Amino acid sequence: MKKTFYNFLLLFPIIFFVVLVLACATKSYINVNYHLPLSSYDLKGKKIFLEIKDMRSVKTIFSEKAKPKFKNFTGLFLFSLSQGEKKDYVVGAFNLPSLFETAFSRRLENLGIKILTEPEKSEPVIEIDLQKFYLDLVDRKWVAQISYEARLIKDNKLLARETISGDAERYRLLFQGDLEKVLGEIFTSLVNKLDFNKLFQQAEL
């Protein structure tokens, strides 16, 4: 027993080093978990064409301080979905605009809206203008900042709009999961914050 314990003490520094290396290693993607609200079908029967536009003035995702922590990042986000008590499942890997398109598509379908594959003259367009998506490292905290503007358009006329923005932070420990958790939280909060019922009411549609 003593010999086994002694051998463990000898191996402990090696085990700790391996764990530390694995903890600091960066992946080529970032996990984003989106928690979809329970289905309501409040807008059942409506049809829209969804368009995502990347209008960010700063296209880089990471600050200079955060960038070295994600040197292997390829620009892809691994998007997973959860709803209620259902287990999370991976939907796919997407670039930033496609990430938002996938999340908003699920949100709109959750409200009973049919999403058109092509724009139709008789149906409105919901345009999501992505204005900011920035990840920073400040005083040992991960900071995520996201903002976008939603625009409801029909016949080339702007009928309603709403701007959504927010930020969140979390202490950085050893793992990339700390950033992924705070990012999933703010992403879920801001996607779910957009009031589609209000947009359609303002547009009188």
C-alpha atoms as a PDB file:
ATOM      1  CA  MET A   1       0.000   0.000   0.000  1.00  0.00           C
ATOM      2  CA  LYS A   2       2.801   2.379   0.937  1.00  0.00           C
ATOM      3  CA  LYS A   3       4.651   1.548  -2.276  1.00  0.00           C
ATOM      4  CA  THR A   4       1.551   2.280  -4.353  1.00  0.00           C
ATOM      5  CA  PHE A   5       1.074   5.615  -2.624  1.00  0.00           C
ATOM      6  CA  TYR A   6       4.759   6.421  -3.103  1.00  0.00           C
ATOM      7  CA  ASN A   7       4.521   5.626  -6.819  1.00  0.00           C
ATOM      8  CA  PHE A   8       1.479   7.897  -7.074  1.00  0.00           C
ATOM      9  CA  LEU A   9       3.438  10.746  -5.487  1.00  0.00           C
ATOM     10  CA  LEU A  10       6.204  10.225  -8.043  1.00  0.00           C
ATOM     11  CA  LEU A  11       3.721  10.269 -10.916  1.00  0.00           C
ATOM     12  CA  PHE A  12       1.639  13.175  -9.614  1.00  0.00           C
ATOM     13  CA  PRO A  13       3.810  15.954 -11.150  1.00  0.00           C
ATOM     14  CA  ILE A  14       3.634  14.201 -14.533  1.00  0.00           C
ATOM     15  CA  ILE A  15      -0.138  13.760 -14.283  1.00  0.00           C
ATOM     16  CA  PHE A  16      -0.557  17.396 -13.262  1.00  0.00           C
ATOM     17  CA  PHE A  17       1.587  18.553 -16.185  1.00  0.00           C
ATOM     18  CA  VAL A  18      -0.447  16.521 -18.700  1.00  0.00           C
ATOM     19  CA  VAL A  19      -3.724  17.881 -17.298  1.00  0.00           C
ATOM     20  CA  LEU A  20      -2.337  21.410 -17.450  1.00  0.00           C
ATOM     21  CA  VAL A  21      -1.248  21.013 -21.073  1.00  0.00           C
ATOM     22  CA  LEU A  22      -4.626  19.608 -22.078  1.00  0.00           C
ATOM     23  CA  ALA A  23      -6.396  22.395 -20.229  1.00  0.00           C
ATOM     24  CA  CYS A  24      -4.404  25.088 -21.991  1.00  0.00           C
ATOM     25  CA  ALA A  25      -4.650  23.528 -25.444  1.00  0.00           C
ATOM     26  CA  THR A  26      -7.044  25.359 -27.726  1.00  0.00           C
ATOM     27  CA  LYS A  27      -9.541  23.770 -30.059  1.00  0.00           C
ATOM     28  CA  SER A  28     -10.148  24.740 -33.672  1.00  0.00           C
ATOM     29  CA  TYR A  29     -13.751  25.665 -32.840  1.00  0.00           C
ATOM     30  CA  ILE A  30     -15.825  27.231 -30.056  1.00  0.00           C
ATOM     31  CA  ASN A  31     -18.880  25.525 -28.573  1.00  0.00           C
ATOM     32  CA  VAL A  32     -22.055  27.614 -28.404  1.00  0.00           C
ATOM     33  CA  ASN A  33     -25.060  26.110 -26.645  1.00  0.00           C
ATOM     34  CA  TYR A  34     -28.381  27.793 -27.397  1.00  0.00           C
ATOM     35  CA  HIS A  35     -31.314  27.177 -25.043  1.00  0.00           C
ATOM     36  CA  LEU A  36     -34.524  27.433 -27.046  1.00  0.00           C
ATOM     37  CA  PRO A  37     -37.662  28.579 -25.191  1.00  0.00           C
ATOM     38  CA  LEU A  38     -40.608  26.221 -24.999  1.00  0.00           C
ATOM     39  CA  SER A  39     -42.751  26.245 -28.150  1.00  0.00           C
ATOM     40  CA  SER A  40     -45.555  28.817 -28.168  1.00  0.00           C
ATOM     41  CA  TYR A  41     -46.718  29.040 -31.824  1.00  0.00           C
ATOM     42  CA  ASP A  42     -47.917  32.609 -31.125  1.00  0.00           C
ATOM     43  CA  LEU A  43     -47.323  33.583 -34.741  1.00  0.00           C
ATOM     44  CA  LYS A  44     -48.497  30.387 -36.392  1.00  0.00           C
ATOM     45  CA  GLY A  45     -49.420  30.819 -40.040  1.00  0.00           C
ATOM     46  CA  LYS A  46     -47.037  33.702 -40.757  1.00  0.00           C
ATOM     47  CA  LYS A  47     -44.304  33.419 -43.353  1.00  0.00           C
ATOM     48  CA  ILE A  48     -41.050  35.330 -43.557  1.00  0.00           C
ATOM     49  CA  PHE A  49     -37.722  35.313 -45.338  1.00  0.00           C
ATOM     50  CA  LEU A  50     -34.829  35.492 -42.860  1.00  0.00           C
ATOM     51  CA  GLU A  51     -31.664  37.344 -43.829  1.00  0.00           C
ATOM     52  CA  ILE A  52     -28.526  37.756 -41.722  1.00  0.00           C
ATOM     53  CA  LYS A  53     -26.133  40.595 -42.539  1.00  0.00           C
ATOM     54  CA  ASP A  54     -22.698  40.959 -40.985  1.00  0.00           C
ATOM     55  CA  MET A  55     -22.512  44.726 -40.416  1.00  0.00           C
ATOM     56  CA  ARG A  56     -19.757  44.677 -37.799  1.00  0.00           C
ATOM     57  CA  SER A  57     -17.303  47.564 -38.070  1.00  0.00           C
ATOM     58  CA  VAL A  58     -14.719  45.331 -36.362  1.00  0.00           C
ATOM     59  CA  LYS A  59     -14.633  41.921 -38.023  1.00  0.00           C
ATOM     60  CA  THR A  60     -12.153  40.343 -35.609  1.00  0.00           C
ATOM     61  CA  ILE A  61     -13.784  38.225 -32.907  1.00  0.00           C
ATOM     62  CA  PHE A  62     -10.990  38.302 -30.310  1.00  0.00           C
ATOM     63  CA  SER A  63      -9.166  41.162 -28.664  1.00  0.00           C
ATOM     64  CA  GLU A  64      -5.371  41.172 -28.898  1.00  0.00           C
ATOM     65  CA  LYS A  65      -5.198  39.837 -25.360  1.00  0.00           C
ATOM     66  CA  ALA A  66      -7.678  37.006 -25.968  1.00  0.00           C
ATOM     67  CA  LYS A  67      -6.422  35.995 -29.422  1.00  0.00           C
ATOM     68  CA  PRO A  68      -3.374  33.972 -28.228  1.00  0.00           C
ATOM     69  CA  LYS A  69      -5.691  31.793 -26.142  1.00  0.00           C
ATOM     70  CA  PHE A  70      -7.443  30.694 -29.351  1.00  0.00           C
ATOM     71  CA  LYS A  71      -4.597  30.496 -31.827  1.00  0.00           C
ATOM     72  CA  ASN A  72      -6.059  27.338 -33.428  1.00  0.00           C
ATOM     73  CA  PHE A  73      -9.534  28.805 -33.937  1.00  0.00           C
ATOM     74  CA  THR A  74     -10.709  28.375 -37.552  1.00  0.00           C
ATOM     75  CA  GLY A  75     -13.739  30.671 -37.364  1.00  0.00           C
ATOM     76  CA  LEU A  76     -16.230  27.843 -36.861  1.00  0.00           C
ATOM     77  CA  PHE A  77     -18.688  27.547 -33.977  1.00  0.00           C
ATOM     78  CA  LEU A  78     -20.042  24.160 -32.916  1.00  0.00           C
ATOM     79  CA  PHE A  79     -23.720  24.898 -32.354  1.00  0.00           C
ATOM     80  CA  SER A  80     -25.707  22.761 -29.919  1.00  0.00           C
ATOM     81  CA  LEU A  81     -29.364  23.099 -28.995  1.00  0.00           C
ATOM     82  CA  SER A  82     -31.290  22.452 -25.797  1.00  0.00           C
ATOM     83  CA  GLN A  83     -34.929  22.966 -24.856  1.00  0.00           C
ATOM     84  CA  GLY A  84     -36.644  22.357 -21.542  1.00  0.00           C
ATOM     85  CA  GLU A  85     -35.422  19.109 -20.014  1.00  0.00           C
ATOM     86  CA  LYS A  86     -34.282  17.688 -23.350  1.00  0.00           C
ATOM     87  CA  LYS A  87     -30.636  16.713 -23.625  1.00  0.00           C
ATOM     88  CA  ASP A  88     -28.346  18.985 -25.630  1.00  0.00           C
ATOM     89  CA  TYR A  89     -27.612  17.843 -29.154  1.00  0.00           C
ATOM     90  CA  VAL A  90     -25.164  19.136 -31.747  1.00  0.00           C
ATOM     91  CA  VAL A  91     -26.764  20.768 -34.790  1.00  0.00           C
ATOM     92  CA  GLY A  92     -23.580  21.467 -36.749  1.00  0.00           C
ATOM     93  CA  ALA A  93     -20.553  23.699 -37.264  1.00  0.00           C
ATOM     94  CA  PHE A  94     -21.132  27.213 -38.635  1.00  0.00           C
ATOM     95  CA  ASN A  95     -19.385  30.488 -39.302  1.00  0.00           C
ATOM     96  CA  LEU A  96     -20.646  33.528 -37.394  1.00  0.00           C
ATOM     97  CA  PRO A  97     -23.496  34.678 -39.715  1.00  0.00           C
ATOM     98  CA  SER A  98     -24.692  31.088 -40.172  1.00  0.00           C
ATOM     99  CA  LEU A  99     -24.610  30.603 -36.398  1.00  0.00           C
ATOM    100  CA  PHE A 100     -27.098  33.440 -35.967  1.00  0.00           C
ATOM    101  CA  GLU A 101     -29.172  32.272 -38.921  1.00  0.00           C
ATOM    102  CA  THR A 102     -29.498  28.788 -37.432  1.00  0.00           C
ATOM    103  CA  ALA A 103     -30.435  30.081 -33.978  1.00  0.00           C
ATOM    104  CA  PHE A 104     -33.011  32.578 -35.256  1.00  0.00           C
ATOM    105  CA  SER A 105     -34.475  29.991 -37.634  1.00  0.00           C
ATOM    106  CA  ARG A 106     -35.101  27.677 -34.681  1.00  0.00           C
ATOM    107  CA  ARG A 107     -36.556  30.552 -32.656  1.00  0.00           C
ATOM    108  CA  LEU A 108     -38.933  31.619 -35.450  1.00  0.00           C
ATOM    109  CA  GLU A 109     -40.072  28.061 -36.125  1.00  0.00           C
ATOM    110  CA  ASN A 110     -40.652  27.754 -32.388  1.00  0.00           C
ATOM    111  CA  LEU A 111     -43.200  30.590 -32.744  1.00  0.00           C
ATOM    112  CA  GLY A 112     -44.987  28.797 -35.574  1.00  0.00           C
ATOM    113  CA  ILE A 113     -43.518  30.934 -38.383  1.00  0.00           C
ATOM    114  CA  LYS A 114     -42.659  29.314 -41.691  1.00  0.00           C
ATOM    115  CA  ILE A 115     -39.263  30.365 -43.000  1.00  0.00           C
ATOM    116  CA  LEU A 116     -39.094  30.785 -46.757  1.00  0.00           C
ATOM    117  CA  THR A 117     -36.096  29.518 -48.681  1.00  0.00           C
ATOM    118  CA  GLU A 118     -36.449  32.391 -51.165  1.00  0.00           C
ATOM    119  CA  PRO A 119     -37.916  35.888 -50.675  1.00  0.00           C
ATOM    120  CA  GLU A 120     -41.505  36.342 -51.871  1.00  0.00           C
ATOM    121  CA  LYS A 121     -42.945  39.717 -52.809  1.00  0.00           C
ATOM    122  CA  SER A 122     -46.117  39.170 -50.790  1.00  0.00           C
ATOM    123  CA  GLU A 123     -44.271  38.156 -47.594  1.00  0.00           C
ATOM    124  CA  PRO A 124     -42.118  40.212 -45.184  1.00  0.00           C
ATOM    125  CA  VAL A 125     -38.392  39.932 -44.592  1.00  0.00           C
ATOM    126  CA  ILE A 126     -36.776  39.820 -41.172  1.00  0.00           C
ATOM    127  CA  GLU A 127     -33.251  41.152 -41.437  1.00  0.00           C
ATOM    128  CA  ILE A 128     -30.782  40.645 -38.597  1.00  0.00           C
ATOM    129  CA  ASP A 129     -27.910  43.104 -38.825  1.00  0.00           C
ATOM    130  CA  LEU A 130     -25.068  41.816 -36.682  1.00  0.00           C
ATOM    131  CA  GLN A 131     -23.303  44.859 -35.228  1.00  0.00           C
ATOM    132  CA  LYS A 132     -20.923  43.458 -32.636  1.00  0.00           C
ATOM    133  CA  PHE A 133     -19.530  40.093 -31.606  1.00  0.00           C
ATOM    134  CA  TYR A 134     -16.420  40.530 -29.494  1.00  0.00           C
ATOM    135  CA  LEU A 135     -14.623  38.324 -26.994  1.00  0.00           C
ATOM    136  CA  ASP A 136     -12.105  39.872 -24.627  1.00  0.00           C
ATOM    137  CA  LEU A 137      -9.971  38.942 -21.641  1.00  0.00           C
ATOM    138  CA  VAL A 138      -9.991  41.643 -18.954  1.00  0.00           C
ATOM    139  CA  ASP A 139      -8.472  41.221 -15.488  1.00  0.00           C
ATOM    140  CA  ARG A 140      -8.655  37.413 -15.650  1.00  0.00           C
ATOM    141  CA  LYS A 141     -12.282  37.539 -16.820  1.00  0.00           C
ATOM    142  CA  TRP A 142     -13.733  36.470 -20.140  1.00  0.00           C
ATOM    143  CA  VAL A 143     -15.946  39.244 -21.479  1.00  0.00           C
ATOM    144  CA  ALA A 144     -18.418  38.637 -24.313  1.00  0.00           C
ATOM    145  CA  GLN A 145     -20.172  41.513 -26.093  1.00  0.00           C
ATOM    146  CA  ILE A 146     -22.930  41.025 -28.675  1.00  0.00           C
ATOM    147  CA  SER A 147     -25.295  43.449 -30.392  1.00  0.00           C
ATOM    148  CA  TYR A 148     -27.580  43.339 -33.413  1.00  0.00           C
ATOM    149  CA  GLU A 149     -30.514  45.142 -34.969  1.00  0.00           C
ATOM    150  CA  ALA A 150     -33.640  43.352 -36.147  1.00  0.00           C
ATOM    151  CA  ARG A 151     -35.557  44.918 -39.024  1.00  0.00           C
ATOM    152  CA  LEU A 152     -38.946  43.881 -40.379  1.00  0.00           C
ATOM    153  CA  ILE A 153     -39.272  44.878 -44.038  1.00  0.00           C
ATOM    154  CA  LYS A 154     -42.022  44.481 -46.614  1.00  0.00           C
ATOM    155  CA  ASP A 155     -42.151  45.845 -50.159  1.00  0.00           C
ATOM    156  CA  ASN A 156     -38.737  47.429 -49.500  1.00  0.00           C
ATOM    157  CA  LYS A 157     -40.227  49.488 -46.659  1.00  0.00           C
ATOM    158  CA  LEU A 158     -38.907  49.363 -43.093  1.00  0.00           C
ATOM    159  CA  LEU A 159     -41.945  48.714 -40.908  1.00  0.00           C
ATOM    160  CA  ALA A 160     -40.394  47.928 -37.507  1.00  0.00           C
ATOM    161  CA  ARG A 161     -36.998  47.623 -35.881  1.00  0.00           C
ATOM    162  CA  GLU A 162     -35.424  46.744 -32.547  1.00  0.00           C
ATOM    163  CA  THR A 163     -31.826  46.883 -31.323  1.00  0.00           C
ATOM    164  CA  ILE A 164     -30.615  44.234 -28.890  1.00  0.00           C
ATOM    165  CA  SER A 165     -27.275  44.370 -27.072  1.00  0.00           C
ATOM    166  CA  GLY A 166     -25.605  43.002 -23.980  1.00  0.00           C
ATOM    167  CA  ASP A 167     -22.432  41.733 -22.382  1.00  0.00           C
ATOM    168  CA  ALA A 168     -21.479  39.058 -19.895  1.00  0.00           C
ATOM    169  CA  GLU A 169     -18.349  38.027 -18.040  1.00  0.00           C
ATOM    170  CA  ARG A 170     -16.914  35.041 -16.218  1.00  0.00           C
ATOM    171  CA  TYR A 171     -13.644  34.387 -14.380  1.00  0.00           C
ATOM    172  CA  ARG A 172     -11.110  32.534 -16.489  1.00  0.00           C
ATOM    173  CA  LEU A 173      -9.741  29.341 -14.956  1.00  0.00           C
ATOM    174  CA  LEU A 174      -7.797  26.798 -17.018  1.00  0.00           C
ATOM    175  CA  PHE A 175     -10.326  25.655 -19.539  1.00  0.00           C
ATOM    176  CA  GLN A 176     -11.814  27.050 -22.732  1.00  0.00           C
ATOM    177  CA  GLY A 177     -15.152  25.954 -21.328  1.00  0.00           C
ATOM    178  CA  ASP A 178     -15.261  29.072 -19.159  1.00  0.00           C
ATOM    179  CA  LEU A 179     -15.545  31.254 -22.253  1.00  0.00           C
ATOM    180  CA  GLU A 180     -17.921  28.834 -23.953  1.00  0.00           C
ATOM    181  CA  LYS A 181     -20.252  28.916 -20.974  1.00  0.00           C
ATOM    182  CA  VAL A 182     -20.456  32.696 -20.781  1.00  0.00           C
ATOM    183  CA  LEU A 183     -20.828  32.906 -24.561  1.00  0.00           C
ATOM    184  CA  GLY A 184     -23.687  30.385 -24.551  1.00  0.00           C
ATOM    185  CA  GLU A 185     -25.428  32.344 -21.804  1.00  0.00           C
ATOM    186  CA  ILE A 186     -25.300  35.740 -23.512  1.00  0.00           C
ATOM    187  CA  PHE A 187     -26.041  34.265 -26.944  1.00  0.00           C
ATOM    188  CA  THR A 188     -29.174  32.555 -25.593  1.00  0.00           C
ATOM    189  CA  SER A 189     -30.258  35.645 -23.683  1.00  0.00           C
ATOM    190  CA  LEU A 190     -29.946  38.029 -26.630  1.00  0.00           C
ATOM    191  CA  VAL A 191     -31.467  35.747 -29.270  1.00  0.00           C
ATOM    192  CA  ASN A 192     -34.448  35.073 -26.990  1.00  0.00           C
ATOM    193  CA  LYS A 193     -34.777  38.735 -25.999  1.00  0.00           C
ATOM    194  CA  LEU A 194     -36.009  39.836 -29.426  1.00  0.00           C
ATOM    195  CA  ASP A 195     -39.797  40.277 -29.263  1.00  0.00           C
ATOM    196  CA  PHE A 196     -41.101  39.063 -32.628  1.00  0.00           C
ATOM    197  CA  ASN A 197     -44.709  39.586 -31.542  1.00  0.00           C
ATOM    198  CA  LYS A 198     -43.945  43.247 -30.935  1.00  0.00           C
ATOM    199  CA  LEU A 199     -42.232  43.596 -34.315  1.00  0.00           C
ATOM    200  CA  PHE A 200     -45.276  42.241 -36.157  1.00  0.00           C
ATOM    201  CA  GLN A 201     -47.612  44.424 -34.080  1.00  0.00           C
ATOM    202  CA  GLN A 202     -45.585  47.547 -34.885  1.00  0.00           C
ATOM    203  CA  ALA A 203     -45.598  46.597 -38.559  1.00  0.00           C
ATOM    204  CA  GLU A 204     -49.364  45.935 -38.363  1.00  0.00           C
ATOM    205  CA  LEU A 205     -48.894  42.543 -39.997  1.00  0.00           C
END
